[in-house]
């Protein structure tokens, strides 16, 4: 539950479930002063230590998500999960590309922002190696009223064949490091797997950092640079049935203005 959790996967899922069944701990946190939250003594007199640590972690992540994600006060978040998640407006923009696909697999789903956005028009199978993240995706989909179109599965996406399927991928840009990496070779799943996916899957999109070394890494694909309120937030590699006509596209949100071209023609 915390970012440096000492729990194994089953224990973390169990703790998360206990936390959901104990809404009174969040009420107690809300009613506490800053000094009381700092010392935690009051909370620990009423609740187990591990539950207090977990609840405070969720509470702090919810505070960071205020203004960024709808119903942030009800979401099941982690700090790293929030930092790596797609901005809500960007996820909604990308979801339009998937709207004609009845079935979509969201690989490395994290806290489930992209899964929920795509689920507005498609049935989504959200997959992550972390069972607690699958649980968060499931519960967050319910908060956003998308649960009927979202199902989760815990597994390694690199061990499955995605031939003939439409997929969205949000690879891990930290993978054990303190800060996100700009090198696609250090992503998890790695660059070789992502490149292979663009040839085997029917179509899809891969979320990468706009500062990453993506040039010439995905021949035959479309790279869309997406900005939100003047800040470039994401580069999406569109491939197969979801790729556009040109090699590059730039989109500005929230206006939705978008231009595309081949770099040589622009030159």
C-alpha atoms as a PDB file:
ATOM      1  CA  UNK A   1       0.000   0.000   0.000  1.00  0.00           C
ATOM      2  CA  UNK A   2       2.828   2.402   0.696  1.00  0.00           C
ATOM      3  CA  UNK A   3       5.393   3.168  -1.993  1.00  0.00           C
ATOM      4  CA  UNK A   4       8.013   1.108  -0.153  1.00  0.00           C
ATOM      5  CA  UNK A   5       5.640  -1.647   0.871  1.00  0.00           C
ATOM      6  CA  UNK A   6       6.960  -4.526   2.924  1.00  0.00           C
ATOM      7  CA  UNK A   7       3.893  -6.615   2.054  1.00  0.00           C
ATOM      8  CA  UNK A   8       3.852  -9.360  -0.551  1.00  0.00           C
ATOM      9  CA  UNK A   9       1.249  -9.264  -3.327  1.00  0.00           C
ATOM     10  CA  UNK A  10      -1.441 -11.240  -1.462  1.00  0.00           C
ATOM     11  CA  UNK A  11      -0.946  -9.242   1.732  1.00  0.00           C
ATOM     12  CA  UNK A  12      -1.207  -5.958  -0.146  1.00  0.00           C
ATOM     13  CA  UNK A  13      -4.452  -6.998  -1.829  1.00  0.00           C
ATOM     14  CA  UNK A  14      -5.821  -8.119   1.537  1.00  0.00           C
ATOM     15  CA  UNK A  15      -4.831  -4.803   3.127  1.00  0.00           C
ATOM     16  CA  UNK A  16      -6.433  -2.879   0.292  1.00  0.00           C
ATOM     17  CA  UNK A  17      -9.670  -4.822   0.742  1.00  0.00           C
ATOM     18  CA  UNK A  18      -9.628  -4.167   4.512  1.00  0.00           C
ATOM     19  CA  UNK A  19      -9.109  -0.493   3.818  1.00  0.00           C
ATOM     20  CA  UNK A  20     -12.093  -0.333   1.496  1.00  0.00           C
ATOM     21  CA  UNK A  21     -14.241  -1.950   4.181  1.00  0.00           C
ATOM     22  CA  UNK A  22     -13.154   0.700   6.702  1.00  0.00           C
ATOM     23  CA  UNK A  23     -14.384   4.078   5.387  1.00  0.00           C
ATOM     24  CA  UNK A  24     -14.401   5.417   8.943  1.00  0.00           C
ATOM     25  CA  UNK A  25     -10.598   5.664   8.877  1.00  0.00           C
ATOM     26  CA  UNK A  26     -10.791   8.221   6.062  1.00  0.00           C
ATOM     27  CA  UNK A  27     -13.398  10.164   8.001  1.00  0.00           C
ATOM     28  CA  UNK A  28     -11.041  10.166  10.991  1.00  0.00           C
ATOM     29  CA  UNK A  29      -8.196  11.433   8.799  1.00  0.00           C
ATOM     30  CA  UNK A  30     -10.384  14.229   7.442  1.00  0.00           C
ATOM     31  CA  UNK A  31     -11.325  15.245  10.987  1.00  0.00           C
ATOM     32  CA  UNK A  32      -7.708  15.252  12.190  1.00  0.00           C
ATOM     33  CA  UNK A  33      -5.523  18.317  12.483  1.00  0.00           C
ATOM     34  CA  UNK A  34      -2.177  18.559  10.681  1.00  0.00           C
ATOM     35  CA  UNK A  35      -0.387  17.930  13.973  1.00  0.00           C
ATOM     36  CA  UNK A  36      -2.504  14.849  14.679  1.00  0.00           C
ATOM     37  CA  UNK A  37      -1.786  13.480  11.210  1.00  0.00           C
ATOM     38  CA  UNK A  38       1.913  14.114  11.698  1.00  0.00           C
ATOM     39  CA  UNK A  39       2.085  12.213  14.982  1.00  0.00           C
ATOM     40  CA  UNK A  40      -0.541   9.609  13.988  1.00  0.00           C
ATOM     41  CA  UNK A  41      -1.035   8.736  17.668  1.00  0.00           C
ATOM     42  CA  UNK A  42      -4.752   9.461  17.642  1.00  0.00           C
ATOM     43  CA  UNK A  43      -5.329   7.334  14.545  1.00  0.00           C
ATOM     44  CA  UNK A  44      -3.219   4.460  15.863  1.00  0.00           C
ATOM     45  CA  UNK A  45      -5.308   4.311  19.028  1.00  0.00           C
ATOM     46  CA  UNK A  46      -8.364   3.550  16.885  1.00  0.00           C
ATOM     47  CA  UNK A  47      -6.929   1.569  13.974  1.00  0.00           C
ATOM     48  CA  UNK A  48      -4.183  -0.949  13.247  1.00  0.00           C
ATOM     49  CA  UNK A  49      -0.792   0.499  12.342  1.00  0.00           C
ATOM     50  CA  UNK A  50      -0.695  -1.029   8.869  1.00  0.00           C
ATOM     51  CA  UNK A  51      -4.202   0.292   8.135  1.00  0.00           C
ATOM     52  CA  UNK A  52      -3.194   3.791   9.235  1.00  0.00           C
ATOM     53  CA  UNK A  53      -0.116   3.808   7.003  1.00  0.00           C
ATOM     54  CA  UNK A  54      -2.132   2.547   4.042  1.00  0.00           C
ATOM     55  CA  UNK A  55      -4.976   5.023   4.561  1.00  0.00           C
ATOM     56  CA  UNK A  56      -2.604   7.987   4.854  1.00  0.00           C
ATOM     57  CA  UNK A  57      -0.872   6.927   1.640  1.00  0.00           C
ATOM     58  CA  UNK A  58      -4.207   6.848  -0.206  1.00  0.00           C
ATOM     59  CA  UNK A  59      -5.329  10.123   1.392  1.00  0.00           C
ATOM     60  CA  UNK A  60      -2.153  11.932   0.320  1.00  0.00           C
ATOM     61  CA  UNK A  61      -2.451  10.602  -3.241  1.00  0.00           C
ATOM     62  CA  UNK A  62      -6.074  11.722  -3.377  1.00  0.00           C
ATOM     63  CA  UNK A  63      -5.056  15.208  -2.317  1.00  0.00           C
ATOM     64  CA  UNK A  64      -2.454  15.325  -5.100  1.00  0.00           C
ATOM     65  CA  UNK A  65      -5.094  14.166  -7.594  1.00  0.00           C
ATOM     66  CA  UNK A  66      -7.524  16.970  -6.705  1.00  0.00           C
ATOM     67  CA  UNK A  67      -8.238  18.956  -9.871  1.00  0.00           C
ATOM     68  CA  UNK A  68      -6.493  16.337 -12.004  1.00  0.00           C
ATOM     69  CA  UNK A  69      -8.914  13.411 -11.904  1.00  0.00           C
ATOM     70  CA  UNK A  70     -12.709  13.414 -11.449  1.00  0.00           C
ATOM     71  CA  UNK A  71     -13.951  12.243  -8.035  1.00  0.00           C
ATOM     72  CA  UNK A  72     -10.366  12.205  -6.774  1.00  0.00           C
ATOM     73  CA  UNK A  73     -11.581  12.028  -3.158  1.00  0.00           C
ATOM     74  CA  UNK A  74     -13.027   8.551  -3.855  1.00  0.00           C
ATOM     75  CA  UNK A  75     -10.256   7.063  -5.982  1.00  0.00           C
ATOM     76  CA  UNK A  76      -7.846   4.284  -5.042  1.00  0.00           C
ATOM     77  CA  UNK A  77      -4.428   5.688  -5.800  1.00  0.00           C
ATOM     78  CA  UNK A  78      -0.733   5.439  -5.055  1.00  0.00           C
ATOM     79  CA  UNK A  79       1.737   8.276  -5.443  1.00  0.00           C
ATOM     80  CA  UNK A  80       3.720   6.544  -8.196  1.00  0.00           C
ATOM     81  CA  UNK A  81       0.542   5.283  -9.876  1.00  0.00           C
ATOM     82  CA  UNK A  82      -0.785   8.834 -10.016  1.00  0.00           C
ATOM     83  CA  UNK A  83       2.511  10.259 -11.277  1.00  0.00           C
ATOM     84  CA  UNK A  84       2.628   7.724 -14.110  1.00  0.00           C
ATOM     85  CA  UNK A  85      -1.073   7.918 -14.985  1.00  0.00           C
ATOM     86  CA  UNK A  86      -2.452   9.612 -18.083  1.00  0.00           C
ATOM     87  CA  UNK A  87      -4.024  13.035 -17.647  1.00  0.00           C
ATOM     88  CA  UNK A  88      -7.822  12.690 -17.745  1.00  0.00           C
ATOM     89  CA  UNK A  89      -8.259  14.995 -20.769  1.00  0.00           C
ATOM     90  CA  UNK A  90      -5.471  13.207 -22.671  1.00  0.00           C
ATOM     91  CA  UNK A  91      -6.990   9.798 -21.928  1.00  0.00           C
ATOM     92  CA  UNK A  92     -10.392  10.995 -23.202  1.00  0.00           C
ATOM     93  CA  UNK A  93      -8.754  12.294 -26.396  1.00  0.00           C
ATOM     94  CA  UNK A  94      -6.937   9.033 -27.048  1.00  0.00           C
ATOM     95  CA  UNK A  95     -10.078   6.998 -26.316  1.00  0.00           C
ATOM     96  CA  UNK A  96     -11.719   8.434 -29.437  1.00  0.00           C
ATOM     97  CA  UNK A  97      -9.322   6.382 -31.587  1.00  0.00           C
ATOM     98  CA  UNK A  98     -10.535   3.206 -29.920  1.00  0.00           C
ATOM     99  CA  UNK A  99     -14.246   4.010 -30.175  1.00  0.00           C
ATOM    100  CA  UNK A 100     -14.812   1.793 -33.225  1.00  0.00           C
ATOM    101  CA  UNK A 101     -13.139  -1.212 -31.553  1.00  0.00           C
ATOM    102  CA  UNK A 102     -15.639  -3.301 -29.562  1.00  0.00           C
ATOM    103  CA  UNK A 103     -12.898  -5.055 -27.573  1.00  0.00           C
ATOM    104  CA  UNK A 104      -9.692  -3.408 -26.318  1.00  0.00           C
ATOM    105  CA  UNK A 105      -6.957  -4.691 -24.015  1.00  0.00           C
ATOM    106  CA  UNK A 106      -5.287  -2.082 -21.797  1.00  0.00           C
ATOM    107  CA  UNK A 107      -1.838  -3.454 -21.012  1.00  0.00           C
ATOM    108  CA  UNK A 108       0.036  -2.303 -17.884  1.00  0.00           C
ATOM    109  CA  UNK A 109      -3.148  -0.590 -16.732  1.00  0.00           C
ATOM    110  CA  UNK A 110      -1.856   1.001 -13.500  1.00  0.00           C
ATOM    111  CA  UNK A 111      -4.629   2.891 -11.695  1.00  0.00           C
ATOM    112  CA  UNK A 112      -6.892   2.550 -14.732  1.00  0.00           C
ATOM    113  CA  UNK A 113      -7.327   6.049 -16.201  1.00  0.00           C
ATOM    114  CA  UNK A 114      -6.908   4.927 -19.819  1.00  0.00           C
ATOM    115  CA  UNK A 115      -8.996   1.803 -19.240  1.00  0.00           C
ATOM    116  CA  UNK A 116     -11.879   3.888 -17.901  1.00  0.00           C
ATOM    117  CA  UNK A 117     -11.652   6.395 -20.750  1.00  0.00           C
ATOM    118  CA  UNK A 118     -11.650   3.693 -23.441  1.00  0.00           C
ATOM    119  CA  UNK A 119     -14.496   1.881 -21.648  1.00  0.00           C
ATOM    120  CA  UNK A 120     -16.898   4.679 -22.548  1.00  0.00           C
ATOM    121  CA  UNK A 121     -17.234   3.073 -26.008  1.00  0.00           C
ATOM    122  CA  UNK A 122     -15.545  -0.345 -25.769  1.00  0.00           C
ATOM    123  CA  UNK A 123     -15.286  -3.391 -23.557  1.00  0.00           C
ATOM    124  CA  UNK A 124     -11.885  -3.238 -21.899  1.00  0.00           C
ATOM    125  CA  UNK A 125      -9.736  -5.955 -20.393  1.00  0.00           C
ATOM    126  CA  UNK A 126      -7.232  -4.204 -18.129  1.00  0.00           C
ATOM    127  CA  UNK A 127      -4.068  -6.187 -17.389  1.00  0.00           C
ATOM    128  CA  UNK A 128      -1.228  -5.588 -14.945  1.00  0.00           C
ATOM    129  CA  UNK A 129       1.381  -7.756 -13.227  1.00  0.00           C
ATOM    130  CA  UNK A 130       0.428  -6.118  -9.913  1.00  0.00           C
ATOM    131  CA  UNK A 131      -2.789  -7.599  -8.501  1.00  0.00           C
ATOM    132  CA  UNK A 132      -3.316  -4.552  -6.274  1.00  0.00           C
ATOM    133  CA  UNK A 133      -3.220  -2.292  -9.342  1.00  0.00           C
ATOM    134  CA  UNK A 134      -5.832  -4.471 -11.036  1.00  0.00           C
ATOM    135  CA  UNK A 135      -7.996  -4.025  -7.956  1.00  0.00           C
ATOM    136  CA  UNK A 136      -7.501  -0.263  -8.039  1.00  0.00           C
ATOM    137  CA  UNK A 137      -8.413  -0.181 -11.737  1.00  0.00           C
ATOM    138  CA  UNK A 138     -11.587  -2.150 -11.004  1.00  0.00           C
ATOM    139  CA  UNK A 139     -12.623   0.102  -8.118  1.00  0.00           C
ATOM    140  CA  UNK A 140     -11.740   3.321  -9.933  1.00  0.00           C
ATOM    141  CA  UNK A 141     -13.787   2.214 -12.940  1.00  0.00           C
ATOM    142  CA  UNK A 142     -16.716   1.909 -10.554  1.00  0.00           C
ATOM    143  CA  UNK A 143     -16.114   5.433  -9.214  1.00  0.00           C
ATOM    144  CA  UNK A 144     -16.137   6.731 -12.805  1.00  0.00           C
ATOM    145  CA  UNK A 145     -19.253   4.678 -13.663  1.00  0.00           C
ATOM    146  CA  UNK A 146     -17.429   2.537 -16.228  1.00  0.00           C
ATOM    147  CA  UNK A 147     -17.284  -0.759 -14.334  1.00  0.00           C
ATOM    148  CA  UNK A 148     -19.754  -2.610 -16.573  1.00  0.00           C
ATOM    149  CA  UNK A 149     -17.283  -2.300 -19.471  1.00  0.00           C
ATOM    150  CA  UNK A 150     -14.080  -3.028 -17.534  1.00  0.00           C
ATOM    151  CA  UNK A 151     -12.722  -6.354 -16.386  1.00  0.00           C
ATOM    152  CA  UNK A 152      -9.257  -6.923 -14.968  1.00  0.00           C
ATOM    153  CA  UNK A 153      -6.690  -9.678 -15.216  1.00  0.00           C
ATOM    154  CA  UNK A 154      -3.399 -10.058 -13.361  1.00  0.00           C
ATOM    155  CA  UNK A 155      -0.645 -11.324 -15.642  1.00  0.00           C
ATOM    156  CA  UNK A 156       2.511 -10.618 -17.629  1.00  0.00           C
ATOM    157  CA  UNK A 157       1.594  -8.987 -20.945  1.00  0.00           C
ATOM    158  CA  UNK A 158       4.913 -10.083 -22.465  1.00  0.00           C
ATOM    159  CA  UNK A 159       3.888 -13.720 -22.167  1.00  0.00           C
ATOM    160  CA  UNK A 160       0.748 -13.413 -24.312  1.00  0.00           C
ATOM    161  CA  UNK A 161       0.167 -13.298 -28.056  1.00  0.00           C
ATOM    162  CA  UNK A 162      -1.690 -10.119 -29.082  1.00  0.00           C
ATOM    163  CA  UNK A 163      -2.150 -11.066 -32.715  1.00  0.00           C
ATOM    164  CA  UNK A 164      -5.400  -9.731 -34.183  1.00  0.00           C
ATOM    165  CA  UNK A 165      -6.207  -7.662 -31.081  1.00  0.00           C
ATOM    166  CA  UNK A 166      -6.536  -3.923 -30.424  1.00  0.00           C
ATOM    167  CA  UNK A 167      -4.403  -2.802 -27.492  1.00  0.00           C
ATOM    168  CA  UNK A 168      -3.361   0.229 -25.484  1.00  0.00           C
ATOM    169  CA  UNK A 169      -0.022   0.045 -23.640  1.00  0.00           C
ATOM    170  CA  UNK A 170       1.343   2.203 -20.833  1.00  0.00           C
ATOM    171  CA  UNK A 171       4.813   0.763 -20.142  1.00  0.00           C
ATOM    172  CA  UNK A 172       6.576   1.373 -16.844  1.00  0.00           C
ATOM    173  CA  UNK A 173       9.028   4.246 -17.235  1.00  0.00           C
ATOM    174  CA  UNK A 174      10.574   3.770 -13.789  1.00  0.00           C
ATOM    175  CA  UNK A 175      11.045  -0.003 -13.508  1.00  0.00           C
ATOM    176  CA  UNK A 176      12.849   0.124 -10.168  1.00  0.00           C
ATOM    177  CA  UNK A 177      14.374   3.577 -10.648  1.00  0.00           C
ATOM    178  CA  UNK A 178      13.590   6.674  -8.594  1.00  0.00           C
ATOM    179  CA  UNK A 179      12.904   8.807 -11.652  1.00  0.00           C
ATOM    180  CA  UNK A 180      11.299   8.050 -15.012  1.00  0.00           C
ATOM    181  CA  UNK A 181      13.747   7.198 -17.769  1.00  0.00           C
ATOM    182  CA  UNK A 182      13.795   8.812 -21.209  1.00  0.00           C
ATOM    183  CA  UNK A 183      15.335   5.747 -22.834  1.00  0.00           C
ATOM    184  CA  UNK A 184      12.802   3.404 -24.416  1.00  0.00           C
ATOM    185  CA  UNK A 185      15.304   0.565 -24.050  1.00  0.00           C
ATOM    186  CA  UNK A 186      14.847   0.815 -20.261  1.00  0.00           C
ATOM    187  CA  UNK A 187      11.034   0.774 -20.344  1.00  0.00           C
ATOM    188  CA  UNK A 188       9.227  -2.295 -19.083  1.00  0.00           C
ATOM    189  CA  UNK A 189       8.023  -3.944 -21.319  1.00  0.00           C
ATOM    190  CA  UNK A 190      11.136  -3.108 -23.306  1.00  0.00           C
ATOM    191  CA  UNK A 191      11.587  -1.462 -26.704  1.00  0.00           C
ATOM    192  CA  UNK A 192      12.020  -4.731 -28.590  1.00  0.00           C
ATOM    193  CA  UNK A 193       8.686  -6.011 -27.270  1.00  0.00           C
ATOM    194  CA  UNK A 194       6.939  -2.729 -28.137  1.00  0.00           C
ATOM    195  CA  UNK A 195       8.359  -2.782 -31.667  1.00  0.00           C
ATOM    196  CA  UNK A 196       7.227  -6.371 -32.151  1.00  0.00           C
ATOM    197  CA  UNK A 197       3.755  -5.505 -30.880  1.00  0.00           C
ATOM    198  CA  UNK A 198       3.315  -2.880 -33.611  1.00  0.00           C
ATOM    199  CA  UNK A 199       3.643  -5.717 -36.159  1.00  0.00           C
ATOM    200  CA  UNK A 200       1.591  -8.438 -34.436  1.00  0.00           C
ATOM    201  CA  UNK A 201      -1.403  -6.657 -32.916  1.00  0.00           C
ATOM    202  CA  UNK A 202      -4.261  -5.552 -35.158  1.00  0.00           C
ATOM    203  CA  UNK A 203      -3.848  -1.994 -33.978  1.00  0.00           C
ATOM    204  CA  UNK A 204      -3.321   0.167 -30.949  1.00  0.00           C
ATOM    205  CA  UNK A 205      -1.455   2.896 -29.165  1.00  0.00           C
ATOM    206  CA  UNK A 206       1.641   2.919 -26.960  1.00  0.00           C
ATOM    207  CA  UNK A 207       2.104   5.707 -24.436  1.00  0.00           C
ATOM    208  CA  UNK A 208       5.676   7.012 -24.222  1.00  0.00           C
ATOM    209  CA  UNK A 209       7.338  10.132 -22.852  1.00  0.00           C
ATOM    210  CA  UNK A 210       7.483  13.027 -25.331  1.00  0.00           C
ATOM    211  CA  UNK A 211      11.107  13.494 -24.208  1.00  0.00           C
ATOM    212  CA  UNK A 212      12.041   9.890 -25.003  1.00  0.00           C
ATOM    213  CA  UNK A 213      14.332   8.756 -27.830  1.00  0.00           C
ATOM    214  CA  UNK A 214      11.452   7.693 -30.106  1.00  0.00           C
ATOM    215  CA  UNK A 215      12.744   9.060 -33.429  1.00  0.00           C
ATOM    216  CA  UNK A 216      13.164   6.271 -36.008  1.00  0.00           C
ATOM    217  CA  UNK A 217      12.232   3.652 -33.387  1.00  0.00           C
ATOM    218  CA  UNK A 218       8.756   2.926 -34.790  1.00  0.00           C
ATOM    219  CA  UNK A 219       8.884   2.927 -38.625  1.00  0.00           C
ATOM    220  CA  UNK A 220       5.487   2.779 -40.293  1.00  0.00           C
ATOM    221  CA  UNK A 221       3.704   4.132 -37.199  1.00  0.00           C
ATOM    222  CA  UNK A 222       2.212   7.515 -36.394  1.00  0.00           C
ATOM    223  CA  UNK A 223       3.639   9.506 -33.475  1.00  0.00           C
ATOM    224  CA  UNK A 224       1.154  11.909 -31.913  1.00  0.00           C
ATOM    225  CA  UNK A 225       2.497  14.571 -29.562  1.00  0.00           C
ATOM    226  CA  UNK A 226      -0.278  15.653 -27.200  1.00  0.00           C
ATOM    227  CA  UNK A 227      -0.147  18.870 -25.198  1.00  0.00           C
ATOM    228  CA  UNK A 228      -2.501  19.955 -22.424  1.00  0.00           C
ATOM    229  CA  UNK A 229      -2.777  23.612 -21.445  1.00  0.00           C
ATOM    230  CA  UNK A 230       0.466  24.370 -23.240  1.00  0.00           C
ATOM    231  CA  UNK A 231       2.513  21.495 -21.779  1.00  0.00           C
ATOM    232  CA  UNK A 232       3.477  18.516 -23.932  1.00  0.00           C
ATOM    233  CA  UNK A 233       2.242  15.614 -21.826  1.00  0.00           C
ATOM    234  CA  UNK A 234       2.575  12.507 -23.931  1.00  0.00           C
ATOM    235  CA  UNK A 235       3.716  10.937 -27.181  1.00  0.00           C
ATOM    236  CA  UNK A 236       1.455   8.162 -28.437  1.00  0.00           C
ATOM    237  CA  UNK A 237       2.676   5.609 -30.962  1.00  0.00           C
ATOM    238  CA  UNK A 238      -0.335   4.705 -33.104  1.00  0.00           C
ATOM    239  CA  UNK A 239       0.056   1.574 -35.192  1.00  0.00           C
ATOM    240  CA  UNK A 240      -1.849  -0.878 -37.375  1.00  0.00           C
ATOM    241  CA  UNK A 241      -5.557  -0.154 -37.798  1.00  0.00           C
ATOM    242  CA  UNK A 242      -5.376   2.883 -35.485  1.00  0.00           C
ATOM    243  CA  UNK A 243      -2.468   4.654 -37.202  1.00  0.00           C
ATOM    244  CA  UNK A 244      -3.104   7.849 -39.137  1.00  0.00           C
ATOM    245  CA  UNK A 245      -1.980   8.732 -42.633  1.00  0.00           C
ATOM    246  CA  UNK A 246       1.128  10.723 -41.690  1.00  0.00           C
ATOM    247  CA  UNK A 247       4.194   9.980 -39.603  1.00  0.00           C
ATOM    248  CA  UNK A 248       3.631  12.790 -37.083  1.00  0.00           C
ATOM    249  CA  UNK A 249       0.693  14.566 -35.507  1.00  0.00           C
ATOM    250  CA  UNK A 250       0.533  17.361 -32.952  1.00  0.00           C
ATOM    251  CA  UNK A 251      -2.614  17.905 -30.888  1.00  0.00           C
ATOM    252  CA  UNK A 252      -3.349  20.739 -28.461  1.00  0.00           C
ATOM    253  CA  UNK A 253      -5.838  20.157 -25.651  1.00  0.00           C
ATOM    254  CA  UNK A 254      -8.313  21.209 -24.454  1.00  0.00           C
ATOM    255  CA  UNK A 255      -9.149  22.893 -27.800  1.00  0.00           C
ATOM    256  CA  UNK A 256      -8.543  19.675 -29.739  1.00  0.00           C
ATOM    257  CA  UNK A 257      -6.741  21.467 -32.569  1.00  0.00           C
ATOM    258  CA  UNK A 258      -4.586  18.960 -34.441  1.00  0.00           C
ATOM    259  CA  UNK A 259      -2.236  18.981 -37.406  1.00  0.00           C
ATOM    260  CA  UNK A 260      -0.435  16.114 -39.121  1.00  0.00           C
ATOM    261  CA  UNK A 261       2.206  15.833 -41.802  1.00  0.00           C
ATOM    262  CA  UNK A 262       5.235  13.983 -43.033  1.00  0.00           C
ATOM    263  CA  UNK A 263       8.400  15.672 -41.657  1.00  0.00           C
ATOM    264  CA  UNK A 264       9.965  15.853 -45.119  1.00  0.00           C
ATOM    265  CA  UNK A 265       6.976  17.700 -46.554  1.00  0.00           C
ATOM    266  CA  UNK A 266       7.108  20.162 -43.673  1.00  0.00           C
ATOM    267  CA  UNK A 267      10.818  20.627 -44.238  1.00  0.00           C
END
